[in-house]
Protein backbone atom coordinates (compact mmCIF):
# COMPACT_ATOMS: atom_id res chain seq x y z
CA UNK A 1 -7.63 -5.25 25.27
CA UNK A 2 -6.85 -2.33 23.00
CA UNK A 3 -3.52 -2.05 21.23
CA UNK A 4 -1.86 1.02 19.77
CA UNK A 5 -0.98 0.78 16.10
CA UNK A 6 0.58 3.28 13.72
CA UNK A 7 -0.64 4.24 10.28
CA UNK A 8 2.29 3.71 7.93
CA UNK A 9 0.70 4.52 4.57
CA UNK A 10 -2.50 6.00 3.18
CA UNK A 11 -3.46 5.42 -0.46
CA UNK A 12 -6.16 6.87 -2.67
CA UNK A 13 -7.08 5.34 -6.04
CA UNK A 14 -8.99 8.01 -8.00
CA UNK A 15 -9.69 5.64 -10.91
CA UNK A 16 -10.66 2.08 -10.09
CA UNK A 17 -7.90 -0.43 -10.98
CA UNK A 18 -5.22 2.16 -11.75
CA UNK A 19 -2.14 3.09 -9.74
CA UNK A 20 -2.78 4.54 -6.30
CA UNK A 21 -1.55 7.83 -4.88
CA UNK A 22 0.29 7.75 -1.55
CA UNK A 23 -0.87 10.75 0.46
CA UNK A 24 0.21 12.29 3.75
CA UNK A 25 -3.38 13.04 4.71
CA UNK A 26 -6.83 12.41 3.34
CA UNK A 27 -10.43 13.23 4.17
CA UNK A 28 -12.70 10.40 5.23
CA UNK A 29 -16.37 10.57 4.31
CA UNK A 30 -19.35 8.26 4.47
CA UNK A 31 -18.24 6.44 1.31
CA UNK A 32 -14.55 6.16 2.19
CA UNK A 33 -11.60 8.42 1.44
CA UNK A 34 -12.38 11.45 -0.66
CA UNK A 35 -11.68 10.74 -4.36
CA UNK A 36 -11.03 7.03 -3.75
CA UNK A 37 -12.45 4.93 -6.63
CA UNK A 38 -14.25 8.08 -7.67
CA UNK A 39 -13.90 7.27 -11.37
CA UNK A 40 -13.87 4.09 -13.39
CA UNK A 41 -13.10 3.03 -16.94
CA UNK A 42 -16.03 1.66 -18.93
CA UNK A 43 -16.61 0.31 -22.41
CA UNK A 44 -18.23 2.83 -24.72
CA UNK A 45 -20.70 0.39 -26.25
CA UNK A 46 -22.02 -1.39 -23.16
CA UNK A 47 -21.05 0.76 -20.20
CA UNK A 48 -19.44 -2.35 -18.66
CA UNK A 49 -16.57 -1.39 -16.37
CA UNK A 50 -13.00 -2.53 -17.02
CA UNK A 51 -10.50 -3.50 -14.33
CA UNK A 52 -7.06 -5.09 -14.04
CA UNK A 53 -8.82 -8.45 -13.98
CA UNK A 54 -9.45 -7.97 -17.70
CA UNK A 55 -6.74 -5.45 -18.70
CA UNK A 56 -3.64 -5.99 -16.58
CA UNK A 57 -1.85 -3.00 -18.12
CA UNK A 58 -4.23 -0.70 -16.27
CA UNK A 59 -1.70 -1.00 -13.45
CA UNK A 60 0.51 1.39 -15.45
CA UNK A 61 -2.08 4.18 -15.60
CA UNK A 62 -1.21 6.93 -13.13
CA UNK A 63 -3.35 9.72 -11.76
CA UNK A 64 -2.72 12.95 -9.91
CA UNK A 65 -4.90 15.53 -8.20
CA UNK A 66 -4.26 19.02 -6.84
CA UNK A 67 -2.87 18.57 -3.33
CA UNK A 68 -5.37 20.93 -1.73
CA UNK A 69 -8.17 18.50 -2.57
CA UNK A 70 -6.76 15.95 -0.14
CA UNK A 71 -7.33 18.36 2.73
CA UNK A 72 -11.04 18.70 2.05
CA UNK A 73 -10.81 21.57 -0.40
CA UNK A 74 -13.78 22.19 -2.69
CA UNK A 75 -13.31 21.57 -6.38
CA UNK A 76 -13.48 24.42 -8.86
CA UNK A 77 -13.49 24.70 -12.63
CA UNK A 78 -9.70 24.96 -12.41
CA UNK A 79 -9.28 21.54 -10.79
CA UNK A 80 -8.54 18.49 -12.93
CA UNK A 81 -7.74 14.84 -12.50
CA UNK A 82 -4.60 14.26 -14.58
CA UNK A 83 -4.25 10.80 -16.11
CA UNK A 84 -1.03 9.51 -17.67
CA UNK A 85 0.06 6.21 -19.18
CA UNK A 86 3.21 5.02 -20.99
CA UNK A 87 3.59 6.58 -24.45
CA UNK A 88 0.29 8.46 -24.11
CA UNK A 89 -0.51 12.13 -23.90
CA UNK A 90 -1.87 13.25 -20.49
CA UNK A 91 -5.63 13.26 -20.14
CA UNK A 92 -7.14 16.12 -18.13
CA UNK A 93 -10.51 15.25 -16.59
CA UNK A 94 -12.44 18.22 -15.17
CA UNK A 95 -13.72 17.72 -11.64
CA UNK A 96 -16.47 20.30 -12.04
CA UNK A 97 -18.76 20.43 -15.04
CA UNK A 98 -20.59 23.42 -16.45
CA UNK A 99 -24.34 23.35 -15.64
CA UNK A 100 -25.36 22.29 -19.14
CA UNK A 101 -23.03 19.71 -20.67
CA UNK A 102 -23.71 17.93 -23.93
CA UNK A 103 -21.48 15.08 -22.75
CA UNK A 104 -23.88 13.94 -20.04
CA UNK A 105 -25.56 10.57 -20.61
CA UNK A 106 -26.15 7.26 -18.88
CA UNK A 107 -24.41 3.94 -19.43
CA UNK A 108 -25.45 0.47 -18.37
CA UNK A 109 -28.96 -0.88 -17.97
CA UNK A 110 -31.52 1.79 -18.78
CA UNK A 111 -33.98 1.38 -15.93
CA UNK A 112 -37.14 3.45 -16.07
CA UNK A 113 -35.99 5.66 -13.22
CA UNK A 114 -32.60 6.43 -14.75
CA UNK A 115 -32.19 10.06 -15.82
CA UNK A 116 -30.73 10.79 -19.23
CA UNK A 117 -28.07 12.93 -17.55
CA UNK A 118 -26.85 10.32 -15.09
CA UNK A 119 -23.25 10.21 -16.24
CA UNK A 120 -20.45 12.03 -17.97
CA UNK A 121 -18.16 10.20 -20.35
CA UNK A 122 -14.90 11.80 -21.48
CA UNK A 123 -13.74 10.16 -24.67
CA UNK A 124 -10.13 9.23 -25.33
CA UNK A 125 -10.07 5.78 -26.96
CA UNK A 126 -6.37 5.10 -26.38
CA UNK A 127 -7.12 4.97 -22.64
CA UNK A 128 -9.32 1.85 -22.73
CA UNK A 129 -12.36 3.47 -24.35
CA UNK A 130 -13.75 6.01 -21.87
CA UNK A 131 -13.17 7.40 -18.44
CA UNK A 132 -16.36 7.65 -16.49
CA UNK A 133 -16.83 9.60 -13.27
CA UNK A 134 -18.48 12.28 -11.30
CA UNK A 135 -17.99 15.97 -10.85
CA UNK A 136 -18.04 18.00 -7.70
CA UNK A 137 -16.27 17.80 -4.36
CA UNK A 138 -19.24 16.39 -2.45
CA UNK A 139 -18.89 12.72 -3.26
CA UNK A 140 -21.87 11.54 -1.24
CA UNK A 141 -24.07 10.86 -4.28
CA UNK A 142 -21.42 10.30 -6.90
CA UNK A 143 -20.61 7.40 -9.15
CA UNK A 144 -23.25 5.30 -7.48
CA UNK A 145 -25.95 2.71 -8.13
CA UNK A 146 -28.62 0.47 -6.72
CA UNK A 147 -28.77 -3.15 -7.88
CA UNK A 148 -30.69 -6.27 -7.03
CA UNK A 149 -27.45 -7.63 -5.58
CA UNK A 150 -25.89 -4.39 -4.28
CA UNK A 151 -22.85 -6.04 -2.75
CA UNK A 152 -21.44 -6.83 -6.18
CA UNK A 153 -20.00 -4.41 -8.70
CA UNK A 154 -19.20 -7.17 -11.19
CA UNK A 155 -21.65 -7.69 -14.04
CA UNK A 156 -23.60 -4.67 -12.88
CA UNK A 157 -27.33 -4.46 -13.26
CA UNK A 158 -29.26 -1.18 -13.30
CA UNK A 159 -26.08 0.73 -12.65
CA UNK A 160 -25.57 4.44 -12.48
CA UNK A 161 -22.13 5.86 -12.98
CA UNK A 162 -20.97 9.42 -13.00
CA UNK A 163 -21.97 12.91 -12.24
CA UNK A 164 -23.63 13.98 -9.01
CA UNK A 165 -25.41 16.93 -10.58
CA UNK A 166 -28.64 18.42 -9.29
CA UNK A 167 -30.63 16.39 -11.79
CA UNK A 168 -29.40 13.05 -10.42
CA UNK A 169 -31.87 11.52 -7.94
CA UNK A 170 -30.63 10.76 -4.46
CA UNK A 171 -31.73 7.15 -4.96
CA UNK A 172 -28.61 6.60 -7.08
CA UNK A 173 -26.50 6.15 -3.96
CA UNK A 174 -24.78 2.75 -4.10
CA UNK A 175 -25.31 0.84 -0.88
CA UNK A 176 -23.31 -2.31 -0.16
CA UNK A 177 -25.07 -4.71 2.14
CA UNK A 178 -24.30 -8.24 3.23
CA UNK A 179 -26.72 -8.94 6.07
CA UNK A 180 -24.40 -11.40 7.80
CA UNK A 181 -21.75 -8.70 8.17
CA UNK A 182 -23.32 -5.29 7.77
CA UNK A 183 -27.13 -5.35 7.84
CA UNK A 184 -27.46 -1.58 7.65
CA UNK A 185 -25.20 -1.29 4.61
CA UNK A 186 -22.69 1.39 3.74
CA UNK A 187 -22.36 3.82 0.88
CA UNK A 188 -19.52 3.16 -1.54
CA UNK A 189 -18.30 4.49 -4.84
CA UNK A 190 -16.65 2.08 -7.31
CA UNK A 191 -14.88 -0.16 -4.79
CA UNK A 192 -15.87 -3.80 -5.24
CA UNK A 193 -17.74 -4.03 -1.96
CA UNK A 194 -16.75 -1.82 0.97
CA UNK A 195 -15.67 1.82 1.37
CA UNK A 196 -12.36 1.19 3.11
CA UNK A 197 -9.59 -1.44 3.09
CA UNK A 198 -7.02 -1.79 5.87
CA UNK A 199 -3.92 -3.98 5.57
CA UNK A 200 -1.40 -5.13 8.16
CA UNK A 201 2.28 -4.74 7.25
CA UNK A 202 3.21 -7.63 9.56
CA UNK A 203 0.97 -9.96 7.58
CA UNK A 204 2.71 -9.01 4.36
CA UNK A 205 6.09 -9.60 6.03
CA UNK A 206 4.97 -13.07 7.08
CA UNK A 207 3.69 -13.82 3.58
CA UNK A 208 7.00 -12.71 2.08
CA UNK A 209 8.89 -14.99 4.43
CA UNK A 210 6.80 -17.90 3.17
CA UNK A 211 7.41 -16.87 -0.44
CA UNK A 212 11.14 -16.67 0.19
CA UNK A 213 11.12 -20.19 1.63
CA UNK A 214 9.62 -21.36 -1.67
CA UNK A 215 12.23 -19.40 -3.67
CA UNK A 216 9.51 -17.10 -4.96
CA UNK A 217 9.94 -13.35 -5.26
CA UNK A 218 8.75 -11.14 -2.44
CA UNK A 219 5.83 -8.88 -3.27
CA UNK A 220 4.95 -5.30 -2.46
CA UNK A 221 1.88 -4.13 -0.58
CA UNK A 222 0.54 -2.51 -3.74
CA UNK A 223 -0.56 -5.97 -4.94
CA UNK A 224 -3.37 -5.73 -2.37
CA UNK A 225 -4.36 -2.12 -3.10
CA UNK A 226 -5.18 -1.06 0.48
CA UNK A 227 -6.31 2.37 1.61
CA UNK A 228 -4.49 2.21 4.93
CA UNK A 229 -1.46 0.18 5.99
CA UNK A 230 -0.77 -0.19 9.71
CA UNK A 231 2.29 -1.31 11.66
CA UNK A 232 2.64 -2.51 15.24
CA UNK A 233 0.34 -5.52 14.99
CA UNK A 234 1.15 -9.22 14.92
CA UNK A 235 0.83 -11.09 11.61
CA UNK A 236 -2.82 -11.82 10.77
CA UNK A 237 -4.00 -10.11 13.94
CA UNK A 238 -6.47 -8.22 11.77
CA UNK A 239 -8.66 -11.33 11.67
CA UNK A 240 -9.87 -10.48 15.18
CA UNK A 241 -10.26 -6.72 14.83
CA UNK A 242 -13.74 -5.35 15.52
CA UNK A 243 -13.18 -1.60 15.68
CA UNK A 244 -10.23 0.59 14.73
CA UNK A 245 -10.06 3.99 16.41
CA UNK A 246 -8.04 6.51 14.44
CA UNK A 247 -6.90 9.41 16.60
CA UNK A 248 -6.59 12.90 15.18
CA UNK A 249 -5.45 15.83 17.31
CA UNK A 250 -6.51 16.27 20.91
CA UNK A 251 -9.51 14.05 21.50
CA UNK A 252 -10.48 13.94 17.85
CA UNK A 253 -10.68 10.96 15.55
CA UNK A 254 -12.92 8.43 13.89
CA UNK A 255 -13.95 4.83 14.46
CA UNK A 256 -13.75 2.29 11.65
CA UNK A 257 -15.86 -0.83 11.97
CA UNK A 258 -14.20 -4.03 10.76
CA UNK A 259 -16.94 -5.64 8.69
CA UNK A 260 -15.28 -8.71 7.15
CA UNK A 261 -11.96 -10.12 5.95
CA UNK A 262 -11.06 -9.28 2.36
CA UNK A 263 -11.17 -12.17 -0.09
CA UNK A 264 -8.65 -11.67 -2.87
CA UNK A 265 -8.86 -12.01 -6.66
CA UNK A 266 -6.32 -12.47 -9.46
CA UNK A 267 -5.42 -8.77 -9.38
CA UNK A 268 -3.00 -9.69 -6.58
CA UNK A 269 -1.00 -11.75 -9.08
CA UNK A 270 -0.35 -8.69 -11.29
CA UNK A 271 3.02 -7.00 -10.78
CA UNK A 272 1.94 -3.40 -10.45
CA UNK A 273 5.20 -2.00 -11.78
CA UNK A 274 5.00 -3.94 -15.07
CA UNK A 275 1.31 -4.71 -15.57
CA UNK A 276 2.17 -8.40 -16.09
CA UNK A 277 0.86 -11.40 -14.18
CA UNK A 278 3.29 -13.40 -12.09
CA UNK A 279 4.22 -16.65 -13.76
CA UNK A 280 3.99 -18.66 -10.55
CA UNK A 281 0.50 -17.51 -9.58
CA UNK A 282 1.76 -15.83 -6.45
CA UNK A 283 0.72 -14.70 -3.94
CA UNK A 284 -2.58 -16.57 -4.36
CA UNK A 285 -0.84 -19.94 -4.55
CA UNK A 286 0.84 -19.50 -1.18
CA UNK A 287 -2.10 -17.76 0.45
CA UNK A 288 -4.32 -20.69 -0.50
CA UNK A 289 -2.13 -22.95 1.64
CA UNK A 290 -2.89 -21.18 4.91
CA UNK A 291 -5.37 -18.34 4.30
CA UNK A 292 -8.28 -20.06 2.57
CA UNK A 293 -11.73 -20.10 4.13
CA UNK A 294 -11.45 -23.85 4.48
CA UNK A 295 -8.10 -23.77 6.29
CA UNK A 296 -9.14 -20.91 8.55
CA UNK A 297 -12.40 -22.63 9.46
CA UNK A 298 -14.51 -19.77 8.14
CA UNK A 299 -16.18 -21.90 5.47
CA UNK A 300 -18.26 -23.66 8.12
CA UNK A 301 -20.49 -20.59 8.33
CA UNK A 302 -19.87 -19.26 4.83
CA UNK A 303 -19.69 -22.08 2.30
CA UNK A 304 -18.80 -19.68 -0.51
CA UNK A 305 -15.55 -18.92 1.33
CA UNK A 306 -14.26 -22.51 1.08
CA UNK A 307 -11.73 -21.77 -1.66
CA UNK A 308 -11.47 -18.01 -1.21
CA UNK A 309 -8.20 -16.64 0.13
CA UNK A 310 -7.97 -13.69 2.49
CA UNK A 311 -5.63 -10.78 3.07
CA UNK A 312 -6.62 -7.57 4.84
C-alpha cells in the first residue's frame, strides 16, 4: 500500500566530500541532481581522488553556485563555482571553458583510449592540491569513467575525470552496476556508487534516541550526506521501499527506484561542523548493534554485508 511522504530537505554537493548546499529546488537528470558530486579533489601527482575519509577537514570546505543553475539554467562564461574554506581566499572555478584551454589534461591511469584533453585541473595547492571537474551545464557525460569494477570509485582504475567537451568520447560515461541490484546500471558522476541517496528523518530520530540512552551526543543528518530527506515514514521503513514517486505540479513527477540500502563508512563519524572525528566512534558504534548486515539478516544473501552497517 502506498504512503504519502513529504520531502523535508534537498541537498546538492558540488564537490565530492565537501559541505552540501541546501536548496529549495533542484533538477534531476539521468546521473542524479544537477551539479551533485560534479567535481572532486584529486592529487596532482597521481590523479587519485581525496575525500573526508583521508582528509577530515574537507568537511569545512563550502561551495556556492548561482541560484539560477538549480532551476535548470544553462551555464555561461559568467557562471562560477565559488569555493571557500577557513582562512583561505575564495576559489572561483569556471563552469564553462573556452574552446581551446591549455589547462586540459587527463589524470589517473592512461588507457590507450583516453584523450589527452579528458580533464581540466585548476591549481590552487592550499585547497588539497587540485580541484578537478567538468564544464558545461549538460552533465550527462561529465566527470565520468569506465572501470573493470565500475561500482567502485575507490582506488580507481582507468578513470576519466573532468570536462565534457566535444573531444571527450561518449564512452567516458561512468556506469555503476551491481547485477544483484541493478543489472542495467545507472550513470553517476563522482558519487561512490549510485546517483541518488534518500534518508528518512524518522530513522535519524530513532538513532538519536539510542545515542541519548548511551549518553552520547545526538548527531545531525549531515553526517550521512543525503540528497533528499523525507518525513512521514516510520523509522527504518526505507528498508522495504521499492519505488518512490515524487509528485511535481498537476500530474507531473518522477519515479525513483530503490536499488539497495546504503552501507556507511567512517565519514559518518566526522562532525561536519568541525571536521573532527567523534571520539566515541559514533554513530557507527551504535548502528553496528542493530543495523549491521548480520543483525538484519541481509548477510545470508550478501556475505560482504556481514559487518557493514546501513543507513538510508
